[in-house]
Amino acid sequence: MDRQSIPTPPGAPDRMEGMVTGVKAGGLIFFSAIRGRNRETGKASDDTREQAKQAMENLKAMCEGAGITLQHVVKVTLYLQELEYRKAFHEVWMEYFPKDPPARIAIQVASANPAPGGNSHFALDVIALAE
């Protein structure tokens, strides 16, 4: 079986017990529940734009820990607690993917699973190509 868990790399927030940073299988890496929590504090800013920037930095750290870059990302599912948060997220997204971005969809959910770290406005589910 071609399946391997990816450990949490330096620079990315710690995961809850029983959760892994990602799973590598079949030439792909699946990252889940990426939020805008700060690694040092474990908290998310109340500011949606700051949360989006931190989430992208967390994704970048996870990619680097797996030996890939953001350019390996092929699909992102963005789970939003409120659709109004999409604009701030998109502005930050364009800073990280100014050209040839991955496929993305935004879905409003009842909760972006605010625990742990509190007040998460969204969560990312990401598929990337493995090296």
C-alpha atoms as a PDB file:
ATOM      1  CA  MET A   1       0.000   0.000   0.000  1.00  0.00           C
ATOM      2  CA  ASP A   2       1.304   3.421  -1.001  1.00  0.00           C
ATOM      3  CA  ARG A   3       0.157   5.492   2.010  1.00  0.00           C
ATOM      4  CA  GLN A   4       2.265   7.603   4.340  1.00  0.00           C
ATOM      5  CA  SER A   5       1.348  10.137   7.027  1.00  0.00           C
ATOM      6  CA  ILE A   6       3.114  13.498   6.845  1.00  0.00           C
ATOM      7  CA  PRO A   7       4.412  14.803  10.193  1.00  0.00           C
ATOM      8  CA  THR A   8       3.754  18.390  11.285  1.00  0.00           C
ATOM      9  CA  PRO A   9       6.723  20.453  10.072  1.00  0.00           C
ATOM     10  CA  PRO A  10       8.373  23.362  11.886  1.00  0.00           C
ATOM     11  CA  GLY A  11       6.419  26.553  11.228  1.00  0.00           C
ATOM     12  CA  ALA A  12       2.988  24.880  11.121  1.00  0.00           C
ATOM     13  CA  PRO A  13       0.581  24.708  14.062  1.00  0.00           C
ATOM     14  CA  ASP A  14       0.501  21.522  16.090  1.00  0.00           C
ATOM     15  CA  ARG A  15      -2.341  19.126  15.369  1.00  0.00           C
ATOM     16  CA  MET A  16      -4.773  17.583  17.815  1.00  0.00           C
ATOM     17  CA  GLU A  17      -3.975  14.049  18.897  1.00  0.00           C
ATOM     18  CA  GLY A  18      -5.161  11.625  16.233  1.00  0.00           C
ATOM     19  CA  MET A  19      -4.860  14.183  13.402  1.00  0.00           C
ATOM     20  CA  VAL A  20      -1.981  14.281  10.943  1.00  0.00           C
ATOM     21  CA  THR A  21      -0.797  17.180   8.831  1.00  0.00           C
ATOM     22  CA  GLY A  22      -1.479  15.214   5.703  1.00  0.00           C
ATOM     23  CA  VAL A  23      -1.445  11.853   4.001  1.00  0.00           C
ATOM     24  CA  LYS A  24       0.592  11.015   0.917  1.00  0.00           C
ATOM     25  CA  ALA A  25      -1.033   8.392  -1.304  1.00  0.00           C
ATOM     26  CA  GLY A  26      -1.065   7.590  -5.010  1.00  0.00           C
ATOM     27  CA  GLY A  27       1.169  10.506  -6.012  1.00  0.00           C
ATOM     28  CA  LEU A  28      -0.966  13.032  -4.132  1.00  0.00           C
ATOM     29  CA  ILE A  29      -0.841  14.715  -0.735  1.00  0.00           C
ATOM     30  CA  PHE A  30      -4.083  15.397   1.115  1.00  0.00           C
ATOM     31  CA  PHE A  31      -3.935  18.181   3.727  1.00  0.00           C
ATOM     32  CA  SER A  32      -6.994  18.889   5.852  1.00  0.00           C
ATOM     33  CA  ALA A  33      -8.321  21.295   8.467  1.00  0.00           C
ATOM     34  CA  ILE A  34      -5.840  24.073   7.734  1.00  0.00           C
ATOM     35  CA  ARG A  35      -6.841  27.171   9.650  1.00  0.00           C
ATOM     36  CA  GLY A  36      -5.394  30.591  10.354  1.00  0.00           C
ATOM     37  CA  ARG A  37      -4.027  29.701  13.794  1.00  0.00           C
ATOM     38  CA  ASN A  38      -0.699  31.174  14.850  1.00  0.00           C
ATOM     39  CA  ARG A  39       1.831  28.471  15.734  1.00  0.00           C
ATOM     40  CA  GLU A  40       3.222  30.311  18.769  1.00  0.00           C
ATOM     41  CA  THR A  41      -0.073  31.278  20.374  1.00  0.00           C
ATOM     42  CA  GLY A  42      -2.378  28.559  19.014  1.00  0.00           C
ATOM     43  CA  LYS A  43      -4.950  31.319  18.463  1.00  0.00           C
ATOM     44  CA  ALA A  44      -6.560  32.802  15.378  1.00  0.00           C
ATOM     45  CA  SER A  45      -6.804  36.558  14.899  1.00  0.00           C
ATOM     46  CA  ASP A  46     -10.266  38.110  14.925  1.00  0.00           C
ATOM     47  CA  ASP A  47      -9.324  39.802  11.633  1.00  0.00           C
ATOM     48  CA  THR A  48     -10.400  37.665   8.654  1.00  0.00           C
ATOM     49  CA  ARG A  49      -7.583  38.909   6.390  1.00  0.00           C
ATOM     50  CA  GLU A  50      -4.969  38.092   9.035  1.00  0.00           C
ATOM     51  CA  GLN A  51      -6.513  34.632   9.471  1.00  0.00           C
ATOM     52  CA  ALA A  52      -6.359  34.098   5.708  1.00  0.00           C
ATOM     53  CA  LYS A  53      -2.699  35.144   5.580  1.00  0.00           C
ATOM     54  CA  GLN A  54      -1.851  32.844   8.494  1.00  0.00           C
ATOM     55  CA  ALA A  55      -3.754  29.959   6.878  1.00  0.00           C
ATOM     56  CA  MET A  56      -1.754  30.414   3.683  1.00  0.00           C
ATOM     57  CA  GLU A  57       1.498  30.579   5.665  1.00  0.00           C
ATOM     58  CA  ASN A  58       0.452  27.385   7.478  1.00  0.00           C
ATOM     59  CA  LEU A  59      -0.274  25.714   4.125  1.00  0.00           C
ATOM     60  CA  LYS A  60       3.082  26.897   2.791  1.00  0.00           C
ATOM     61  CA  ALA A  61       4.868  25.424   5.846  1.00  0.00           C
ATOM     62  CA  MET A  62       3.002  22.138   5.424  1.00  0.00           C
ATOM     63  CA  CYS A  63       3.948  21.970   1.754  1.00  0.00           C
ATOM     64  CA  GLU A  64       7.599  22.712   2.531  1.00  0.00           C
ATOM     65  CA  GLY A  65       7.566  20.036   5.238  1.00  0.00           C
ATOM     66  CA  ALA A  66       6.323  17.553   2.639  1.00  0.00           C
ATOM     67  CA  GLY A  67       9.060  18.581   0.203  1.00  0.00           C
ATOM     68  CA  ILE A  68       6.798  20.514  -2.170  1.00  0.00           C
ATOM     69  CA  THR A  69       5.795  24.125  -2.843  1.00  0.00           C
ATOM     70  CA  LEU A  70       2.492  25.956  -3.206  1.00  0.00           C
ATOM     71  CA  GLN A  71       2.821  25.397  -6.959  1.00  0.00           C
ATOM     72  CA  HIS A  72       2.139  21.690  -6.313  1.00  0.00           C
ATOM     73  CA  VAL A  73      -1.336  22.526  -4.925  1.00  0.00           C
ATOM     74  CA  VAL A  74      -4.029  21.462  -7.406  1.00  0.00           C
ATOM     75  CA  LYS A  75      -7.328  21.766  -5.471  1.00  0.00           C
ATOM     76  CA  VAL A  76      -8.515  23.734  -2.448  1.00  0.00           C
ATOM     77  CA  THR A  77     -11.885  23.459  -0.763  1.00  0.00           C
ATOM     78  CA  LEU A  78     -12.548  26.523   1.386  1.00  0.00           C
ATOM     79  CA  TYR A  79     -15.107  26.018   4.151  1.00  0.00           C
ATOM     80  CA  LEU A  80     -16.437  29.395   5.298  1.00  0.00           C
ATOM     81  CA  GLN A  81     -18.459  30.118   8.380  1.00  0.00           C
ATOM     82  CA  GLU A  82     -19.840  33.218   6.621  1.00  0.00           C
ATOM     83  CA  LEU A  83     -19.741  33.902   2.873  1.00  0.00           C
ATOM     84  CA  GLU A  84     -18.709  37.495   3.624  1.00  0.00           C
ATOM     85  CA  TYR A  85     -15.270  36.146   4.647  1.00  0.00           C
ATOM     86  CA  ARG A  86     -14.636  35.017   1.055  1.00  0.00           C
ATOM     87  CA  LYS A  87     -13.604  38.485  -0.173  1.00  0.00           C
ATOM     88  CA  ALA A  88     -10.792  38.907   2.380  1.00  0.00           C
ATOM     89  CA  PHE A  89      -9.639  35.345   1.772  1.00  0.00           C
ATOM     90  CA  HIS A  90      -9.600  35.874  -1.998  1.00  0.00           C
ATOM     91  CA  GLU A  91      -7.479  39.032  -1.678  1.00  0.00           C
ATOM     92  CA  VAL A  92      -4.858  37.066   0.266  1.00  0.00           C
ATOM     93  CA  TRP A  93      -5.201  34.083  -2.098  1.00  0.00           C
ATOM     94  CA  MET A  94      -4.200  36.338  -5.015  1.00  0.00           C
ATOM     95  CA  GLU A  95      -1.006  37.301  -3.187  1.00  0.00           C
ATOM     96  CA  TYR A  96       0.013  33.630  -2.968  1.00  0.00           C
ATOM     97  CA  PHE A  97      -1.353  32.568  -6.373  1.00  0.00           C
ATOM     98  CA  PRO A  98      -1.099  35.637  -8.665  1.00  0.00           C
ATOM     99  CA  LYS A  99      -0.938  33.415 -11.788  1.00  0.00           C
ATOM    100  CA  ASP A 100      -2.155  29.917 -12.589  1.00  0.00           C
ATOM    101  CA  PRO A 101      -3.897  29.247  -9.255  1.00  0.00           C
ATOM    102  CA  PRO A 102      -5.193  25.827  -8.214  1.00  0.00           C
ATOM    103  CA  ALA A 103      -8.854  24.927  -8.589  1.00  0.00           C
ATOM    104  CA  ARG A 104     -10.910  26.211  -5.676  1.00  0.00           C
ATOM    105  CA  ILE A 105     -14.443  26.096  -4.371  1.00  0.00           C
ATOM    106  CA  ALA A 106     -15.948  27.907  -1.383  1.00  0.00           C
ATOM    107  CA  ILE A 107     -18.658  26.295   0.717  1.00  0.00           C
ATOM    108  CA  GLN A 108     -20.520  27.918   3.595  1.00  0.00           C
ATOM    109  CA  VAL A 109     -20.840  25.665   6.641  1.00  0.00           C
ATOM    110  CA  ALA A 110     -22.556  26.009  10.003  1.00  0.00           C
ATOM    111  CA  SER A 111     -19.150  26.131  11.688  1.00  0.00           C
ATOM    112  CA  ALA A 112     -15.583  26.166  10.450  1.00  0.00           C
ATOM    113  CA  ASN A 113     -14.794  23.976  13.474  1.00  0.00           C
ATOM    114  CA  PRO A 114     -13.508  26.790  15.690  1.00  0.00           C
ATOM    115  CA  ALA A 115     -11.903  24.468  18.268  1.00  0.00           C
ATOM    116  CA  PRO A 116      -8.988  24.320  18.908  1.00  0.00           C
ATOM    117  CA  GLY A 117      -7.740  27.880  18.755  1.00  0.00           C
ATOM    118  CA  GLY A 118     -11.156  29.521  18.716  1.00  0.00           C
ATOM    119  CA  ASN A 119     -12.861  31.904  16.303  1.00  0.00           C
ATOM    120  CA  SER A 120     -11.787  30.253  13.025  1.00  0.00           C
ATOM    121  CA  HIS A 121     -13.586  31.906  10.141  1.00  0.00           C
ATOM    122  CA  PHE A 122     -12.735  29.120   7.722  1.00  0.00           C
ATOM    123  CA  ALA A 123     -10.863  25.866   7.152  1.00  0.00           C
ATOM    124  CA  LEU A 124      -9.021  24.585   4.079  1.00  0.00           C
ATOM    125  CA  ASP A 125      -8.969  21.106   2.595  1.00  0.00           C
ATOM    126  CA  VAL A 126      -6.099  20.823   0.095  1.00  0.00           C
ATOM    127  CA  ILE A 127      -4.895  18.319  -2.505  1.00  0.00           C
ATOM    128  CA  ALA A 128      -1.366  18.668  -3.877  1.00  0.00           C
ATOM    129  CA  LEU A 129       0.935  16.722  -6.164  1.00  0.00           C
ATOM    130  CA  ALA A 130       3.636  14.772  -4.323  1.00  0.00           C
ATOM    131  CA  GLU A 131       7.263  14.799  -5.452  1.00  0.00           C
END
